[in-house]
Protein backbone atom coordinates (compact mmCIF):
# COMPACT_ATOMS: atom_id res chain seq x y z
CA UNK A 1 30.67 32.64 -28.45
CA UNK A 2 29.79 31.62 -24.95
CA UNK A 3 32.12 33.64 -22.65
CA UNK A 4 33.01 33.48 -18.91
CA UNK A 5 29.88 35.03 -17.13
CA UNK A 6 30.22 38.20 -15.10
CA UNK A 7 29.37 36.26 -11.85
CA UNK A 8 32.52 34.26 -11.98
CA UNK A 9 34.98 35.55 -9.47
CA UNK A 10 37.75 37.35 -11.35
CA UNK A 11 39.14 40.87 -11.34
CA UNK A 12 38.31 42.58 -14.45
CA UNK A 13 40.73 45.12 -16.10
CA UNK A 14 41.03 46.67 -19.31
CA UNK A 15 44.69 46.50 -21.16
CA UNK A 16 46.20 49.67 -22.42
CA UNK A 17 44.91 48.55 -25.96
CA UNK A 18 41.49 48.17 -24.90
CA UNK A 19 41.55 44.20 -24.40
CA UNK A 20 39.45 42.73 -21.57
CA UNK A 21 41.81 41.24 -18.92
CA UNK A 22 40.30 38.77 -16.38
CA UNK A 23 42.50 37.98 -13.16
CA UNK A 24 41.67 34.80 -11.25
CA UNK A 25 42.82 33.75 -7.83
CA UNK A 26 44.89 30.81 -9.31
CA UNK A 27 45.46 28.63 -12.26
CA UNK A 28 42.85 25.99 -11.15
CA UNK A 29 40.14 28.63 -10.76
CA UNK A 30 41.16 30.06 -14.17
CA UNK A 31 41.15 26.61 -15.81
CA UNK A 32 37.66 25.75 -14.45
CA UNK A 33 36.14 28.85 -15.75
CA UNK A 34 37.77 28.61 -19.18
CA UNK A 35 36.88 24.71 -19.47
CA UNK A 36 33.22 25.54 -18.51
CA UNK A 37 33.16 28.28 -21.23
CA UNK A 38 34.60 25.91 -23.85
CA UNK A 39 32.21 22.83 -22.73
CA UNK A 40 29.35 25.22 -23.03
CA UNK A 41 30.35 26.26 -26.56
CA UNK A 42 30.58 22.62 -27.67
CA UNK A 43 27.01 22.06 -26.45
CA UNK A 44 25.47 24.66 -28.21
CA UNK A 45 27.09 23.93 -31.64
CA UNK A 46 24.25 23.52 -34.20
CA UNK A 47 23.74 20.21 -35.77
CA UNK A 48 26.38 19.37 -38.55
CA UNK A 49 28.88 21.86 -37.32
CA UNK A 50 32.15 21.02 -35.65
CA UNK A 51 33.85 23.04 -32.95
CA UNK A 52 37.38 23.77 -33.60
CA UNK A 53 39.45 24.35 -30.42
CA UNK A 54 43.08 25.87 -30.84
CA UNK A 55 45.46 24.41 -28.49
CA UNK A 56 49.04 25.04 -27.49
CA UNK A 57 51.18 22.40 -25.73
CA UNK A 58 53.01 23.15 -22.63
CA UNK A 59 52.38 24.52 -19.23
CA UNK A 60 49.94 27.44 -19.58
CA UNK A 61 46.84 25.68 -20.56
CA UNK A 62 47.35 22.52 -18.33
CA UNK A 63 44.92 23.57 -15.66
CA UNK A 64 42.29 24.24 -18.50
CA UNK A 65 42.88 20.73 -20.12
CA UNK A 66 42.66 19.12 -16.80
CA UNK A 67 39.41 20.99 -15.88
CA UNK A 68 38.12 19.89 -19.13
CA UNK A 69 38.46 16.10 -18.38
CA UNK A 70 37.10 16.90 -14.83
CA UNK A 71 34.13 18.83 -15.70
CA UNK A 72 33.01 17.29 -18.99
CA UNK A 73 29.45 15.39 -18.49
CA UNK A 74 29.81 11.74 -18.93
CA UNK A 75 27.03 11.64 -21.49
CA UNK A 76 28.77 14.74 -23.64
CA UNK A 77 29.10 14.02 -27.12
CA UNK A 78 32.83 15.09 -28.32
CA UNK A 79 32.70 13.61 -31.67
CA UNK A 80 32.36 17.00 -33.25
CA UNK A 81 35.23 18.42 -31.38
CA UNK A 82 38.36 19.06 -33.45
CA UNK A 83 41.69 20.02 -31.66
CA UNK A 84 43.77 22.25 -33.82
CA UNK A 85 47.30 22.07 -32.24
CA UNK A 86 49.50 25.28 -32.73
CA UNK A 87 52.86 23.66 -33.62
CA UNK A 88 55.29 20.67 -33.74
CA UNK A 89 59.12 20.20 -33.72
CA UNK A 90 60.72 19.20 -36.87
CA UNK A 91 63.73 17.12 -37.79
CA UNK A 92 65.54 16.81 -41.25
CA UNK A 93 65.97 13.53 -42.74
CA UNK A 94 67.10 12.37 -46.20
CA UNK A 95 63.32 12.48 -47.31
CA UNK A 96 63.13 15.99 -46.21
CA UNK A 97 61.52 17.62 -43.29
CA UNK A 98 59.32 15.60 -41.08
CA UNK A 99 57.44 16.12 -37.72
CA UNK A 100 59.26 14.81 -34.81
CA UNK A 101 58.08 11.12 -33.52
CA UNK A 102 54.91 11.62 -31.52
CA UNK A 103 56.35 9.30 -28.74
CA UNK A 104 59.13 11.78 -28.12
CA UNK A 105 58.58 13.64 -24.78
CA UNK A 106 58.42 16.85 -26.53
CA UNK A 107 56.09 16.10 -29.32
CA UNK A 108 52.99 18.49 -29.33
CA UNK A 109 51.04 15.55 -31.04
CA UNK A 110 52.08 13.29 -28.22
CA UNK A 111 51.06 16.12 -25.73
CA UNK A 112 47.69 16.14 -27.17
CA UNK A 113 47.16 12.48 -26.94
CA UNK A 114 48.42 12.44 -23.30
CA UNK A 115 47.02 15.69 -21.63
CA UNK A 116 43.95 16.86 -23.85
CA UNK A 117 42.38 13.71 -25.94
CA UNK A 118 43.09 10.95 -23.66
CA UNK A 119 41.49 12.13 -20.53
CA UNK A 120 38.61 13.88 -22.37
CA UNK A 121 37.83 10.50 -24.04
CA UNK A 122 38.27 8.48 -20.91
CA UNK A 123 35.76 10.88 -19.34
CA UNK A 124 32.89 10.33 -21.64
CA UNK A 125 30.88 7.30 -22.96
CA UNK A 126 32.65 4.88 -25.17
CA UNK A 127 32.28 6.02 -28.79
CA UNK A 128 31.64 9.41 -27.77
CA UNK A 129 35.24 10.72 -27.71
CA UNK A 130 37.17 12.77 -30.10
CA UNK A 131 37.98 10.70 -33.33
CA UNK A 132 41.89 10.37 -34.22
CA UNK A 133 41.32 12.05 -37.49
CA UNK A 134 39.92 15.21 -35.54
CA UNK A 135 43.40 15.92 -33.76
CA UNK A 136 45.07 18.22 -36.24
CA UNK A 137 48.70 19.50 -36.42
CA UNK A 138 50.64 21.34 -39.10
CA UNK A 139 52.79 19.32 -41.51
CA UNK A 140 56.23 20.67 -42.41
CA UNK A 141 55.88 18.99 -45.84
CA UNK A 142 52.92 21.38 -46.77
CA UNK A 143 52.57 24.07 -44.09
CA UNK A 144 50.07 25.98 -46.24
CA UNK A 145 47.65 23.01 -46.20
CA UNK A 146 47.05 23.76 -42.28
CA UNK A 147 45.43 27.24 -43.01
CA UNK A 148 43.47 25.94 -45.91
CA UNK A 149 42.26 23.14 -43.93
CA UNK A 150 41.16 25.50 -41.07
CA UNK A 151 39.69 27.78 -43.32
CA UNK A 152 37.65 25.08 -45.21
CA UNK A 153 36.29 23.84 -41.80
CA UNK A 154 34.81 27.31 -41.08
CA UNK A 155 37.49 28.58 -38.87
CA UNK A 156 38.72 28.02 -35.21
CA UNK A 157 35.78 28.76 -32.65
CA UNK A 158 38.11 29.62 -29.76
CA UNK A 159 41.89 29.82 -30.07
CA UNK A 160 43.74 29.26 -26.77
CA UNK A 161 47.26 31.13 -26.86
CA UNK A 162 50.04 31.28 -24.40
CA UNK A 163 53.52 33.49 -24.36
CA UNK A 164 56.81 32.37 -24.16
CA UNK A 165 58.25 33.62 -20.50
CA UNK A 166 61.68 35.03 -21.92
CA UNK A 167 60.80 36.50 -25.30
CA UNK A 168 56.93 36.50 -25.58
CA UNK A 169 57.04 33.79 -28.44
CA UNK A 170 53.68 32.40 -29.54
CA UNK A 171 53.95 28.84 -30.87
CA UNK A 172 57.50 29.09 -32.36
CA UNK A 173 57.01 32.64 -33.58
CA UNK A 174 59.70 34.55 -32.20
CA UNK A 175 60.25 38.43 -31.70
CA UNK A 176 60.28 40.05 -35.12
CA UNK A 177 57.83 37.48 -36.84
CA UNK A 178 55.43 38.49 -39.30
CA UNK A 179 52.35 39.61 -37.53
CA UNK A 180 50.30 38.56 -40.60
CA UNK A 181 52.34 35.19 -41.09
CA UNK A 182 50.71 31.96 -41.89
CA UNK A 183 51.81 28.34 -40.93
CA UNK A 184 55.40 27.88 -41.85
CA UNK A 185 58.48 26.15 -40.82
CA UNK A 186 60.50 28.08 -38.53
CA UNK A 187 64.25 28.13 -37.16
CA UNK A 188 63.46 28.48 -33.48
CA UNK A 189 65.22 31.44 -31.63
CA UNK A 190 67.74 30.46 -28.87
CA UNK A 191 65.56 32.18 -26.15
CA UNK A 192 62.45 30.19 -27.21
CA UNK A 193 64.57 27.13 -27.17
CA UNK A 194 65.60 28.14 -23.53
CA UNK A 195 62.00 28.69 -22.61
CA UNK A 196 61.11 25.23 -23.90
CA UNK A 197 63.76 23.62 -21.73
CA UNK A 198 61.25 24.73 -18.77
CA UNK A 199 58.28 23.37 -20.79
CA UNK A 200 59.92 20.07 -21.34
CA UNK A 201 62.30 19.50 -18.41
CA UNK A 202 63.36 16.11 -20.05
CA UNK A 203 65.69 18.38 -22.24
CA UNK A 204 69.19 18.10 -20.34
CA UNK A 205 70.77 20.67 -22.51
CA UNK A 206 70.06 23.30 -24.85
CA UNK A 207 71.55 21.29 -27.79
CA UNK A 208 69.13 18.71 -27.08
CA UNK A 209 66.27 21.11 -28.12
CA UNK A 210 65.30 20.91 -31.77
CA UNK A 211 66.23 23.91 -34.04
CA UNK A 212 63.23 23.52 -36.22
CA UNK A 213 59.57 23.67 -35.86
CA UNK A 214 56.40 24.15 -37.92
CA UNK A 215 53.92 26.58 -36.53
CA UNK A 216 50.55 28.44 -37.20
CA UNK A 217 51.58 32.04 -37.96
CA UNK A 218 50.11 35.03 -35.85
CA UNK A 219 48.12 35.86 -38.92
CA UNK A 220 46.58 32.32 -39.05
CA UNK A 221 45.11 32.70 -35.53
CA UNK A 222 43.98 36.16 -36.05
CA UNK A 223 42.55 35.58 -39.33
CA UNK A 224 40.91 32.22 -38.95
CA UNK A 225 39.50 32.40 -35.36
CA UNK A 226 36.37 33.82 -34.09
CA UNK A 227 37.82 34.36 -30.57
CA UNK A 228 41.25 34.43 -29.07
CA UNK A 229 42.16 34.08 -25.43
CA UNK A 230 45.83 34.86 -24.17
CA UNK A 231 46.29 32.61 -20.93
CA UNK A 232 49.30 33.46 -18.58
CA UNK A 233 49.66 31.69 -15.51
CA UNK A 234 52.46 31.27 -12.90
CA UNK A 235 55.15 33.64 -11.54
CA UNK A 236 57.56 32.98 -14.56
CA UNK A 237 54.95 34.65 -16.72
CA UNK A 238 54.88 37.76 -14.71
CA UNK A 239 57.02 39.92 -16.94
CA UNK A 240 55.12 38.71 -20.15
CA UNK A 241 51.81 39.54 -18.54
CA UNK A 242 52.71 43.02 -17.63
CA UNK A 243 54.29 43.34 -21.10
CA UNK A 244 51.05 42.23 -22.81
CA UNK A 245 48.51 43.97 -20.69
CA UNK A 246 50.52 47.56 -20.79
CA UNK A 247 51.26 47.41 -24.75
CA UNK A 248 49.16 50.03 -26.37
CA UNK A 249 48.87 47.65 -29.29
CA UNK A 250 50.98 44.87 -31.19
CA UNK A 251 54.88 45.10 -30.51
CA UNK A 252 56.98 43.12 -32.86
CA UNK A 253 59.61 42.74 -30.15
CA UNK A 254 56.90 40.68 -28.12
CA UNK A 255 54.83 38.54 -30.27
CA UNK A 256 52.18 37.72 -27.75
CA UNK A 257 50.96 41.21 -27.82
CA UNK A 258 49.21 40.03 -31.09
CA UNK A 259 46.46 39.44 -29.03
CA UNK A 260 45.34 43.04 -29.44
CA UNK A 261 44.84 42.39 -33.23
CA UNK A 262 42.74 39.22 -32.75
CA UNK A 263 38.85 38.95 -32.88
CA UNK A 264 37.00 39.05 -29.76
CA UNK A 265 40.27 38.92 -27.75
CA UNK A 266 40.76 38.44 -24.04
CA UNK A 267 43.80 38.01 -21.51
CA UNK A 268 43.44 35.63 -18.68
CA UNK A 269 45.72 35.79 -15.70
CA UNK A 270 46.15 34.17 -12.50
CA UNK A 271 47.36 36.16 -9.51
CA UNK A 272 50.94 34.71 -9.77
CA UNK A 273 51.24 35.98 -13.28
CA UNK A 274 49.43 39.20 -12.73
CA UNK A 275 51.88 40.26 -10.03
CA UNK A 276 51.77 44.11 -10.37
CA UNK A 277 49.78 44.51 -13.50
CA UNK A 278 47.18 46.68 -11.84
CA UNK A 279 50.06 49.02 -10.72
CA UNK A 280 51.87 48.94 -14.03
CA UNK A 281 48.51 49.91 -15.65
CA UNK A 282 48.29 52.83 -13.21
CA UNK A 283 51.78 53.83 -13.96
CA UNK A 284 51.27 53.64 -17.84
CA UNK A 285 48.20 55.68 -17.51
CA UNK A 286 49.91 58.30 -15.55
CA UNK A 287 52.69 58.57 -18.22
CA UNK A 288 50.19 58.93 -20.73
CA UNK A 289 48.24 61.35 -19.00
CA UNK A 290 51.62 63.37 -18.64
CA UNK A 291 52.23 63.17 -22.23
CA UNK A 292 48.66 64.68 -23.21
């Protein structure tokens, strides 16, 4: 995996669990650095191989997605790029469970089309963009097929992950979720739904937020990825950033701490999210020394 080079301006820390932490000046600088890493990874893929990029919807990776479209060379070939979305809202119908209409404001498939695939395809030569069939999302009618398809494709090269501000949820996996869980249909926790009101401001009330979703499991990401990056940006993610960075390992009460169980893990923060992370780390270290 082509990583963010050492010369990139970022404060480099190590979490309590030993996971590398990079703190960038702001979300734009973070997004540029991560986008360059992704584009470098796509460029060096051997012939015949696809590059699988795991993507959440929502706010945390928005600066990265924007940077990808801004920095991709016009002559780049994205026909081997696969966008692996994390989750989707689900509605119940007479025929059973189905994904929400992609035209809905909160649809993750719609988000992928508007904010990832559309801008990227517009930035490269005609015919060199991401094919529609290479934008993947889990199906509530057959959740297990998602893991099987990812595995059959050789796994995700880089999975971008984010954390809910209020409960540390990852995709729709709330506190207490199975750390080894696979893609499944989930009942959304109330705090997760409240966080999603900030992600999708068109939700006027909590009752408007769907109660069901289909999402990759924490185990799906950890087991089927070569590298995982947890991205936290903005002051609203400050508490989550501190909790993830100071956790000595996986904490079931804060699912985002699963990053410490992932292959080649990293945590990327901007200054707004980092807040007092360095001070919290010093305090944690002092407490650990006192216990010893």
